[in-house]
Amino acid sequence: QPVIFLGADVTHPPAGDGKKPSIAAVVGSMDAHPSRYCATVRVQRPRQEIIQDLASMVRELLIQFYKSTRFKPTRIIFYRDGVSEGQFRQVLYYELLAIREACISLEKDYQPGITYIVVQKRHHTRLFCADRTERVGRSGNIPAGTTVDTDITHPYEFDFYL
């Protein structure tokens, strides 16, 4: 089953600089491995976290994916960076509709499955190995790829630490 991986973020001008625009970017995988990527970039109003032109950006990437693979993705895995917890619902609502709109603009009944994942890197959670023998290096970090999805995660939302 063909799957496209998309990653999106918005970068903003420094605080106090209200004249410079924010820059929105979306990248998408272009093969089955995925090892090749294509990018789309747009300028938008300053300090706007919702990607205003997301529908056309996703549409472009879906077209490029089809040109590369000769397949329409049956699933879209969308990784979204830069969204604070207070913005989750608003951004998810708008951007999920924009992704659906991009699909329908290509073909009326085209409705691939969509997995929307908000990525947060700036948190204050630190993880440590209970067993000293499992620690990695002098820092004592947990092994790469460790996933925590119980006990310290949100009680209602599906979240995890990787």
N, C-alpha and C. Protein backbone atom coordinates (compact mmCIF):
# COMPACT_ATOMS: atom_id res chain seq x y z
N GLN A 1 0.84 -1.19 0.00
CA GLN A 1 0.00 0.00 0.00
C GLN A 1 0.88 1.25 0.00
N PRO A 2 0.73 2.13 -0.98
CA PRO A 2 1.55 3.34 -1.02
C PRO A 2 1.19 4.33 0.10
N VAL A 3 2.22 4.80 0.78
CA VAL A 3 2.07 5.75 1.89
C VAL A 3 2.96 6.95 1.61
N ILE A 4 2.42 8.15 1.83
CA ILE A 4 3.24 9.36 1.74
C ILE A 4 3.43 9.91 3.16
N PHE A 5 4.67 10.26 3.47
CA PHE A 5 4.99 10.89 4.75
C PHE A 5 5.16 12.38 4.49
N LEU A 6 4.42 13.20 5.24
CA LEU A 6 4.53 14.65 5.12
C LEU A 6 5.01 15.22 6.45
N GLY A 7 5.83 16.24 6.39
CA GLY A 7 6.28 16.95 7.58
C GLY A 7 6.09 18.43 7.37
N ALA A 8 5.56 19.13 8.39
CA ALA A 8 5.23 20.55 8.22
C ALA A 8 5.65 21.36 9.45
N ASP A 9 6.05 22.60 9.19
CA ASP A 9 6.40 23.52 10.26
C ASP A 9 6.28 24.95 9.74
N VAL A 10 6.19 25.89 10.67
CA VAL A 10 6.18 27.32 10.35
C VAL A 10 7.27 27.97 11.19
N THR A 11 8.11 28.79 10.54
CA THR A 11 9.12 29.54 11.28
C THR A 11 8.69 31.01 11.30
N HIS A 12 8.94 31.67 12.42
CA HIS A 12 8.44 33.03 12.62
C HIS A 12 9.59 34.02 12.77
N PRO A 13 9.33 35.31 12.47
CA PRO A 13 10.36 36.34 12.67
C PRO A 13 10.62 36.52 14.17
N PRO A 14 11.73 37.16 14.50
CA PRO A 14 12.02 37.39 15.93
C PRO A 14 10.91 38.19 16.61
N ALA A 15 10.76 38.00 17.91
CA ALA A 15 9.76 38.74 18.68
C ALA A 15 9.97 40.23 18.49
N GLY A 16 8.88 40.96 18.34
CA GLY A 16 8.94 42.40 18.16
C GLY A 16 9.08 42.84 16.72
N ASP A 17 9.36 41.91 15.81
CA ASP A 17 9.49 42.24 14.39
C ASP A 17 8.19 41.86 13.69
N GLY A 18 7.25 42.79 13.66
CA GLY A 18 5.93 42.52 13.10
C GLY A 18 5.83 42.67 11.60
N LYS A 19 6.92 43.07 10.94
CA LYS A 19 6.86 43.32 9.50
C LYS A 19 7.31 42.13 8.66
N LYS A 20 8.22 41.33 9.20
CA LYS A 20 8.71 40.19 8.43
C LYS A 20 7.67 39.07 8.46
N PRO A 21 7.53 38.34 7.36
CA PRO A 21 6.53 37.27 7.30
C PRO A 21 6.99 36.00 8.01
N SER A 22 6.04 35.14 8.29
CA SER A 22 6.35 33.77 8.72
C SER A 22 6.53 32.94 7.47
N ILE A 23 7.27 31.85 7.57
CA ILE A 23 7.53 30.96 6.44
C ILE A 23 6.99 29.58 6.78
N ALA A 24 6.10 29.07 5.94
CA ALA A 24 5.53 27.72 6.13
C ALA A 24 6.18 26.78 5.14
N ALA A 25 6.53 25.59 5.59
CA ALA A 25 7.14 24.59 4.71
C ALA A 25 6.51 23.23 4.96
N VAL A 26 6.32 22.48 3.88
CA VAL A 26 5.85 21.10 3.97
C VAL A 26 6.74 20.27 3.06
N VAL A 27 7.25 19.16 3.59
CA VAL A 27 8.04 18.23 2.78
C VAL A 27 7.28 16.92 2.68
N GLY A 28 7.50 16.20 1.59
CA GLY A 28 6.81 14.93 1.40
C GLY A 28 7.72 13.88 0.81
N SER A 29 7.54 12.63 1.24
CA SER A 29 8.31 11.53 0.67
C SER A 29 7.86 11.28 -0.76
N MET A 30 8.81 10.86 -1.59
CA MET A 30 8.51 10.68 -3.02
C MET A 30 8.76 9.26 -3.50
N ASP A 31 8.99 8.34 -2.57
CA ASP A 31 9.17 6.94 -2.98
C ASP A 31 8.74 6.02 -1.85
N ALA A 32 8.80 4.73 -2.10
CA ALA A 32 8.28 3.74 -1.15
C ALA A 32 9.21 3.51 0.03
N HIS A 33 10.44 4.00 0.00
CA HIS A 33 11.42 3.61 1.02
C HIS A 33 11.28 4.30 2.37
N PRO A 34 10.92 5.44 2.67
CA PRO A 34 11.03 6.69 1.91
C PRO A 34 12.43 7.28 2.05
N SER A 35 13.03 7.60 0.93
CA SER A 35 14.39 8.16 0.96
C SER A 35 14.53 9.40 0.09
N ARG A 36 13.55 9.68 -0.76
CA ARG A 36 13.56 10.89 -1.59
C ARG A 36 12.43 11.80 -1.12
N TYR A 37 12.71 13.10 -1.07
CA TYR A 37 11.72 14.07 -0.59
C TYR A 37 11.61 15.26 -1.52
N CYS A 38 10.46 15.90 -1.47
CA CYS A 38 10.20 17.12 -2.23
C CYS A 38 9.66 18.14 -1.22
N ALA A 39 9.91 19.42 -1.43
CA ALA A 39 9.48 20.44 -0.47
C ALA A 39 8.66 21.53 -1.14
N THR A 40 7.74 22.11 -0.38
CA THR A 40 7.00 23.29 -0.79
C THR A 40 7.13 24.32 0.32
N VAL A 41 7.26 25.58 -0.06
CA VAL A 41 7.45 26.66 0.91
C VAL A 41 6.54 27.82 0.54
N ARG A 42 5.95 28.47 1.55
CA ARG A 42 5.09 29.63 1.33
C ARG A 42 5.40 30.71 2.36
N VAL A 43 5.23 31.95 1.95
CA VAL A 43 5.29 33.10 2.85
C VAL A 43 3.87 33.35 3.33
N GLN A 44 3.72 33.66 4.62
CA GLN A 44 2.39 33.98 5.14
C GLN A 44 2.49 35.07 6.20
N ARG A 45 1.33 35.52 6.67
CA ARG A 45 1.29 36.61 7.65
C ARG A 45 2.16 36.29 8.87
N PRO A 46 2.79 37.31 9.46
CA PRO A 46 3.65 37.08 10.63
C PRO A 46 2.89 36.43 11.78
N ARG A 47 3.60 35.54 12.49
CA ARG A 47 3.10 34.91 13.72
C ARG A 47 1.85 34.05 13.52
N GLN A 48 1.60 33.60 12.32
CA GLN A 48 0.43 32.76 12.03
C GLN A 48 0.89 31.30 12.04
N GLU A 49 0.44 30.51 13.04
CA GLU A 49 0.91 29.12 13.15
C GLU A 49 0.18 28.17 12.21
N ILE A 50 -1.10 28.45 11.94
CA ILE A 50 -1.84 27.62 10.98
C ILE A 50 -1.26 27.86 9.59
N ILE A 51 -1.02 26.80 8.85
CA ILE A 51 -0.46 26.93 7.50
C ILE A 51 -1.60 27.32 6.56
N GLN A 52 -1.58 28.58 6.13
CA GLN A 52 -2.69 29.15 5.38
C GLN A 52 -2.92 28.48 4.03
N ASP A 53 -1.86 28.11 3.35
CA ASP A 53 -1.98 27.56 1.99
C ASP A 53 -1.73 26.05 1.97
N LEU A 54 -2.07 25.38 3.07
CA LEU A 54 -1.75 23.96 3.20
C LEU A 54 -2.40 23.10 2.13
N ALA A 55 -3.63 23.39 1.76
CA ALA A 55 -4.32 22.57 0.76
C ALA A 55 -3.54 22.52 -0.55
N SER A 56 -3.10 23.68 -1.04
CA SER A 56 -2.37 23.67 -2.31
C SER A 56 -0.97 23.06 -2.16
N MET A 57 -0.36 23.22 -0.99
CA MET A 57 0.96 22.63 -0.75
C MET A 57 0.87 21.10 -0.75
N VAL A 58 -0.12 20.57 -0.05
CA VAL A 58 -0.31 19.11 -0.01
C VAL A 58 -0.68 18.60 -1.39
N ARG A 59 -1.51 19.34 -2.09
CA ARG A 59 -1.90 18.94 -3.45
C ARG A 59 -0.66 18.80 -4.34
N GLU A 60 0.23 19.79 -4.29
CA GLU A 60 1.47 19.73 -5.07
C GLU A 60 2.28 18.48 -4.75
N LEU A 61 2.39 18.18 -3.46
CA LEU A 61 3.19 17.02 -3.04
C LEU A 61 2.53 15.70 -3.45
N LEU A 62 1.20 15.65 -3.40
CA LEU A 62 0.49 14.44 -3.85
C LEU A 62 0.70 14.22 -5.35
N ILE A 63 0.67 15.30 -6.11
CA ILE A 63 0.91 15.20 -7.56
C ILE A 63 2.34 14.71 -7.81
N GLN A 64 3.31 15.28 -7.10
CA GLN A 64 4.70 14.86 -7.26
C GLN A 64 4.89 13.39 -6.87
N PHE A 65 4.21 12.96 -5.80
CA PHE A 65 4.29 11.56 -5.37
C PHE A 65 3.78 10.65 -6.48
N TYR A 66 2.65 11.03 -7.06
CA TYR A 66 2.08 10.23 -8.15
C TYR A 66 3.02 10.18 -9.35
N LYS A 67 3.61 11.32 -9.70
CA LYS A 67 4.56 11.35 -10.82
C LYS A 67 5.78 10.46 -10.56
N SER A 68 6.20 10.40 -9.30
CA SER A 68 7.37 9.60 -8.93
C SER A 68 7.08 8.11 -8.87
N THR A 69 5.90 7.76 -8.37
CA THR A 69 5.61 6.35 -8.07
C THR A 69 4.57 5.71 -8.99
N ARG A 70 3.78 6.54 -9.65
CA ARG A 70 2.62 6.09 -10.44
C ARG A 70 1.52 5.49 -9.57
N PHE A 71 1.54 5.84 -8.27
CA PHE A 71 0.50 5.39 -7.35
C PHE A 71 -0.04 6.59 -6.58
N LYS A 72 -1.32 6.51 -6.23
CA LYS A 72 -1.90 7.48 -5.30
C LYS A 72 -1.71 6.90 -3.90
N PRO A 73 -1.27 7.70 -2.95
CA PRO A 73 -1.12 7.17 -1.59
C PRO A 73 -2.47 6.71 -1.03
N THR A 74 -2.48 5.57 -0.37
CA THR A 74 -3.69 5.11 0.31
C THR A 74 -3.71 5.63 1.74
N ARG A 75 -2.57 6.14 2.20
CA ARG A 75 -2.47 6.69 3.55
C ARG A 75 -1.51 7.86 3.55
N ILE A 76 -1.87 8.89 4.33
CA ILE A 76 -1.02 10.07 4.53
C ILE A 76 -0.62 10.09 6.01
N ILE A 77 0.68 10.09 6.27
CA ILE A 77 1.18 10.25 7.64
C ILE A 77 1.73 11.67 7.71
N PHE A 78 1.08 12.52 8.51
CA PHE A 78 1.38 13.95 8.55
C PHE A 78 1.99 14.31 9.90
N TYR A 79 3.27 14.67 9.89
CA TYR A 79 3.97 15.10 11.10
C TYR A 79 3.97 16.62 11.14
N ARG A 80 3.45 17.17 12.24
CA ARG A 80 3.33 18.63 12.37
C ARG A 80 4.14 19.11 13.56
N ASP A 81 5.08 20.00 13.31
CA ASP A 81 5.92 20.54 14.36
C ASP A 81 5.46 21.96 14.71
N GLY A 82 5.83 22.41 15.90
CA GLY A 82 5.64 23.81 16.27
C GLY A 82 4.28 24.20 16.78
N VAL A 83 3.47 23.23 17.19
CA VAL A 83 2.12 23.54 17.67
C VAL A 83 2.10 23.37 19.19
N SER A 84 1.68 24.42 19.90
CA SER A 84 1.59 24.32 21.35
C SER A 84 0.28 23.62 21.73
N GLU A 85 0.22 23.13 22.96
CA GLU A 85 -0.98 22.41 23.40
C GLU A 85 -2.23 23.27 23.29
N GLY A 86 -2.11 24.57 23.52
CA GLY A 86 -3.26 25.46 23.42
C GLY A 86 -3.78 25.63 22.00
N GLN A 87 -2.96 25.29 21.02
CA GLN A 87 -3.34 25.44 19.61
C GLN A 87 -3.77 24.11 18.96
N PHE A 88 -3.64 23.00 19.66
CA PHE A 88 -3.90 21.67 19.07
C PHE A 88 -5.20 21.61 18.29
N ARG A 89 -6.30 21.89 18.95
CA ARG A 89 -7.61 21.69 18.32
C ARG A 89 -7.80 22.60 17.10
N GLN A 90 -7.44 23.87 17.24
CA GLN A 90 -7.61 24.82 16.15
C GLN A 90 -6.78 24.43 14.93
N VAL A 91 -5.51 24.11 15.15
CA VAL A 91 -4.62 23.75 14.05
C VAL A 91 -5.06 22.42 13.43
N LEU A 92 -5.36 21.44 14.26
CA LEU A 92 -5.80 20.14 13.76
C LEU A 92 -7.05 20.27 12.91
N TYR A 93 -8.03 21.03 13.40
CA TYR A 93 -9.30 21.18 12.67
C TYR A 93 -9.05 21.80 11.30
N TYR A 94 -8.35 22.92 11.26
CA TYR A 94 -8.12 23.63 10.00
C TYR A 94 -7.26 22.80 9.05
N GLU A 95 -6.16 22.26 9.57
CA GLU A 95 -5.21 21.59 8.69
C GLU A 95 -5.70 20.23 8.22
N LEU A 96 -6.44 19.52 9.03
CA LEU A 96 -7.01 18.25 8.58
C LEU A 96 -8.00 18.48 7.44
N LEU A 97 -8.82 19.53 7.57
CA LEU A 97 -9.73 19.89 6.47
C LEU A 97 -8.95 20.27 5.21
N ALA A 98 -7.84 20.98 5.37
CA ALA A 98 -7.03 21.38 4.21
C ALA A 98 -6.43 20.16 3.51
N ILE A 99 -6.00 19.17 4.28
CA ILE A 99 -5.45 17.94 3.68
C ILE A 99 -6.55 17.20 2.92
N ARG A 100 -7.73 17.10 3.53
CA ARG A 100 -8.87 16.46 2.86
C ARG A 100 -9.23 17.22 1.57
N GLU A 101 -9.23 18.54 1.66
CA GLU A 101 -9.54 19.38 0.49
C GLU A 101 -8.54 19.13 -0.64
N ALA A 102 -7.27 18.99 -0.30
CA ALA A 102 -6.24 18.71 -1.31
C ALA A 102 -6.54 17.39 -2.02
N CYS A 103 -6.94 16.38 -1.28
CA CYS A 103 -7.24 15.06 -1.86
C CYS A 103 -8.46 15.15 -2.78
N ILE A 104 -9.51 15.79 -2.31
CA ILE A 104 -10.75 15.89 -3.09
C ILE A 104 -10.54 16.75 -4.34
N SER A 105 -9.63 17.73 -4.27
CA SER A 105 -9.37 18.56 -5.45
C SER A 105 -8.72 17.75 -6.57
N LEU A 106 -8.09 16.65 -6.22
CA LEU A 106 -7.46 15.78 -7.22
C LEU A 106 -8.44 14.78 -7.81
N GLU A 107 -9.34 14.30 -6.96
CA GLU A 107 -10.33 13.31 -7.39
C GLU A 107 -11.48 13.32 -6.38
N LYS A 108 -12.69 13.44 -6.86
CA LYS A 108 -13.86 13.65 -6.00
C LYS A 108 -13.96 12.63 -4.85
N ASP A 109 -13.70 11.37 -5.13
CA ASP A 109 -13.86 10.33 -4.10
C ASP A 109 -12.54 9.88 -3.49
N TYR A 110 -11.49 10.66 -3.69
CA TYR A 110 -10.18 10.27 -3.16
C TYR A 110 -10.10 10.62 -1.67
N GLN A 111 -10.11 9.60 -0.82
CA GLN A 111 -10.09 9.80 0.63
C GLN A 111 -9.10 8.83 1.29
N PRO A 112 -7.82 9.10 1.15
CA PRO A 112 -6.85 8.22 1.82
C PRO A 112 -6.95 8.38 3.34
N GLY A 113 -6.53 7.37 4.07
CA GLY A 113 -6.48 7.50 5.53
C GLY A 113 -5.43 8.54 5.90
N ILE A 114 -5.73 9.31 6.94
CA ILE A 114 -4.79 10.36 7.38
C ILE A 114 -4.46 10.13 8.85
N THR A 115 -3.17 10.08 9.15
CA THR A 115 -2.70 10.06 10.53
C THR A 115 -1.99 11.39 10.76
N TYR A 116 -2.49 12.18 11.72
CA TYR A 116 -1.97 13.52 12.00
C TYR A 116 -1.24 13.46 13.34
N ILE A 117 0.05 13.72 13.32
CA ILE A 117 0.88 13.61 14.53
C ILE A 117 1.51 14.96 14.83
N VAL A 118 1.25 15.49 16.02
CA VAL A 118 1.91 16.72 16.46
C VAL A 118 3.20 16.33 17.18
N VAL A 119 4.31 16.88 16.72
CA VAL A 119 5.62 16.58 17.29
C VAL A 119 6.02 17.74 18.20
N GLN A 120 6.37 17.41 19.44
CA GLN A 120 6.85 18.44 20.35
C GLN A 120 8.21 18.03 20.89
N LYS A 121 9.19 18.91 20.71
CA LYS A 121 10.55 18.61 21.15
C LYS A 121 10.90 19.36 22.44
N ARG A 122 10.27 20.48 22.65
CA ARG A 122 10.63 21.32 23.80
C ARG A 122 9.71 21.03 24.98
N HIS A 123 10.02 19.98 25.68
CA HIS A 123 9.26 19.63 26.87
C HIS A 123 10.25 19.46 28.02
N HIS A 124 9.75 19.33 29.21
CA HIS A 124 10.63 19.25 30.37
C HIS A 124 10.70 17.84 30.95
N THR A 125 10.24 16.86 30.20
CA THR A 125 10.26 15.48 30.65
C THR A 125 11.64 14.88 30.37
N ARG A 126 12.22 14.27 31.37
CA ARG A 126 13.50 13.59 31.20
C ARG A 126 13.31 12.14 31.61
N LEU A 127 13.85 11.24 30.81
CA LEU A 127 13.69 9.81 31.05
C LEU A 127 15.04 9.21 31.42
N PHE A 128 15.02 8.29 32.39
CA PHE A 128 16.24 7.63 32.85
C PHE A 128 16.00 6.13 32.93
N CYS A 129 17.05 5.36 32.75
CA CYS A 129 16.96 3.90 32.87
C CYS A 129 16.96 3.52 34.35
N ALA A 130 16.04 2.65 34.73
CA ALA A 130 16.03 2.13 36.10
C ALA A 130 17.22 1.18 36.29
N ASP A 131 17.55 0.45 35.25
CA ASP A 131 18.66 -0.50 35.28
C ASP A 131 19.92 0.18 34.74
N ARG A 132 20.92 0.37 35.57
CA ARG A 132 22.15 1.06 35.18
C ARG A 132 22.83 0.42 33.97
N THR A 133 22.68 -0.87 33.80
CA THR A 133 23.36 -1.56 32.69
C THR A 133 22.77 -1.20 31.34
N GLU A 134 21.56 -0.62 31.32
CA GLU A 134 20.92 -0.24 30.05
C GLU A 134 21.26 1.19 29.63
N ARG A 135 21.88 1.96 30.50
CA ARG A 135 22.22 3.34 30.19
C ARG A 135 23.22 3.41 29.04
N VAL A 136 23.12 4.49 28.24
CA VAL A 136 23.97 4.64 27.07
C VAL A 136 24.98 5.77 27.30
N GLY A 137 26.25 5.46 27.14
CA GLY A 137 27.30 6.47 27.22
C GLY A 137 27.45 7.10 28.59
N ARG A 138 28.28 8.14 28.65
CA ARG A 138 28.53 8.83 29.92
C ARG A 138 27.33 9.62 30.39
N SER A 139 26.46 10.02 29.45
CA SER A 139 25.29 10.82 29.82
C SER A 139 24.25 9.99 30.56
N GLY A 140 24.30 8.67 30.37
CA GLY A 140 23.31 7.81 31.02
C GLY A 140 21.96 7.84 30.34
N ASN A 141 21.94 8.25 29.08
CA ASN A 141 20.66 8.33 28.35
C ASN A 141 20.02 6.96 28.20
N ILE A 142 18.72 6.99 27.90
CA ILE A 142 18.01 5.76 27.58
C ILE A 142 18.39 5.33 26.17
N PRO A 143 18.26 4.05 25.83
CA PRO A 143 18.63 3.60 24.48
C PRO A 143 17.78 4.29 23.40
N ALA A 144 18.41 4.57 22.25
CA ALA A 144 17.70 5.16 21.11
C ALA A 144 16.53 4.26 20.73
N GLY A 145 15.40 4.88 20.39
CA GLY A 145 14.22 4.12 19.97
C GLY A 145 13.30 3.73 21.11
N THR A 146 13.69 4.03 22.34
CA THR A 146 12.82 3.72 23.48
C THR A 146 11.53 4.51 23.35
N THR A 147 10.41 3.84 23.54
CA THR A 147 9.10 4.49 23.46
C THR A 147 8.39 4.35 24.80
N VAL A 148 7.88 5.46 25.33
CA VAL A 148 7.10 5.44 26.57
C VAL A 148 5.70 5.92 26.23
N ASP A 149 4.71 5.06 26.45
CA ASP A 149 3.33 5.44 26.12
C ASP A 149 2.35 5.14 27.26
N THR A 150 2.87 4.94 28.47
CA THR A 150 2.00 4.71 29.63
C THR A 150 2.54 5.49 30.83
N ASP A 151 1.73 5.55 31.85
CA ASP A 151 2.07 6.12 33.16
C ASP A 151 2.30 7.63 33.16
N ILE A 152 3.22 8.16 32.36
CA ILE A 152 3.52 9.60 32.41
C ILE A 152 2.90 10.36 31.25
N THR A 153 2.12 9.69 30.42
CA THR A 153 1.52 10.34 29.25
C THR A 153 0.15 10.90 29.59
N HIS A 154 -0.42 11.66 28.67
CA HIS A 154 -1.73 12.28 28.85
C HIS A 154 -2.79 11.21 29.07
N PRO A 155 -3.71 11.41 30.02
CA PRO A 155 -4.69 10.36 30.32
C PRO A 155 -5.74 10.13 29.23
N TYR A 156 -5.99 11.14 28.37
CA TYR A 156 -7.07 11.00 27.38
C TYR A 156 -6.58 11.03 25.93
N GLU A 157 -5.51 11.75 25.68
CA GLU A 157 -5.01 11.87 24.31
C GLU A 157 -3.97 10.78 24.07
N PHE A 158 -3.84 10.38 22.81
CA PHE A 158 -2.85 9.37 22.47
C PHE A 158 -1.52 10.07 22.29
N ASP A 159 -0.69 10.04 23.32
CA ASP A 159 0.64 10.62 23.16
C ASP A 159 1.70 9.67 23.68
N PHE A 160 2.93 9.94 23.30
CA PHE A 160 4.03 9.07 23.68
C PHE A 160 5.33 9.85 23.61
N TYR A 161 6.34 9.33 24.29
CA TYR A 161 7.69 9.89 24.23
C TYR A 161 8.54 8.90 23.46
N LEU A 162 9.33 9.42 22.53
CA LEU A 162 10.19 8.57 21.71
C LEU A 162 11.63 8.98 21.90
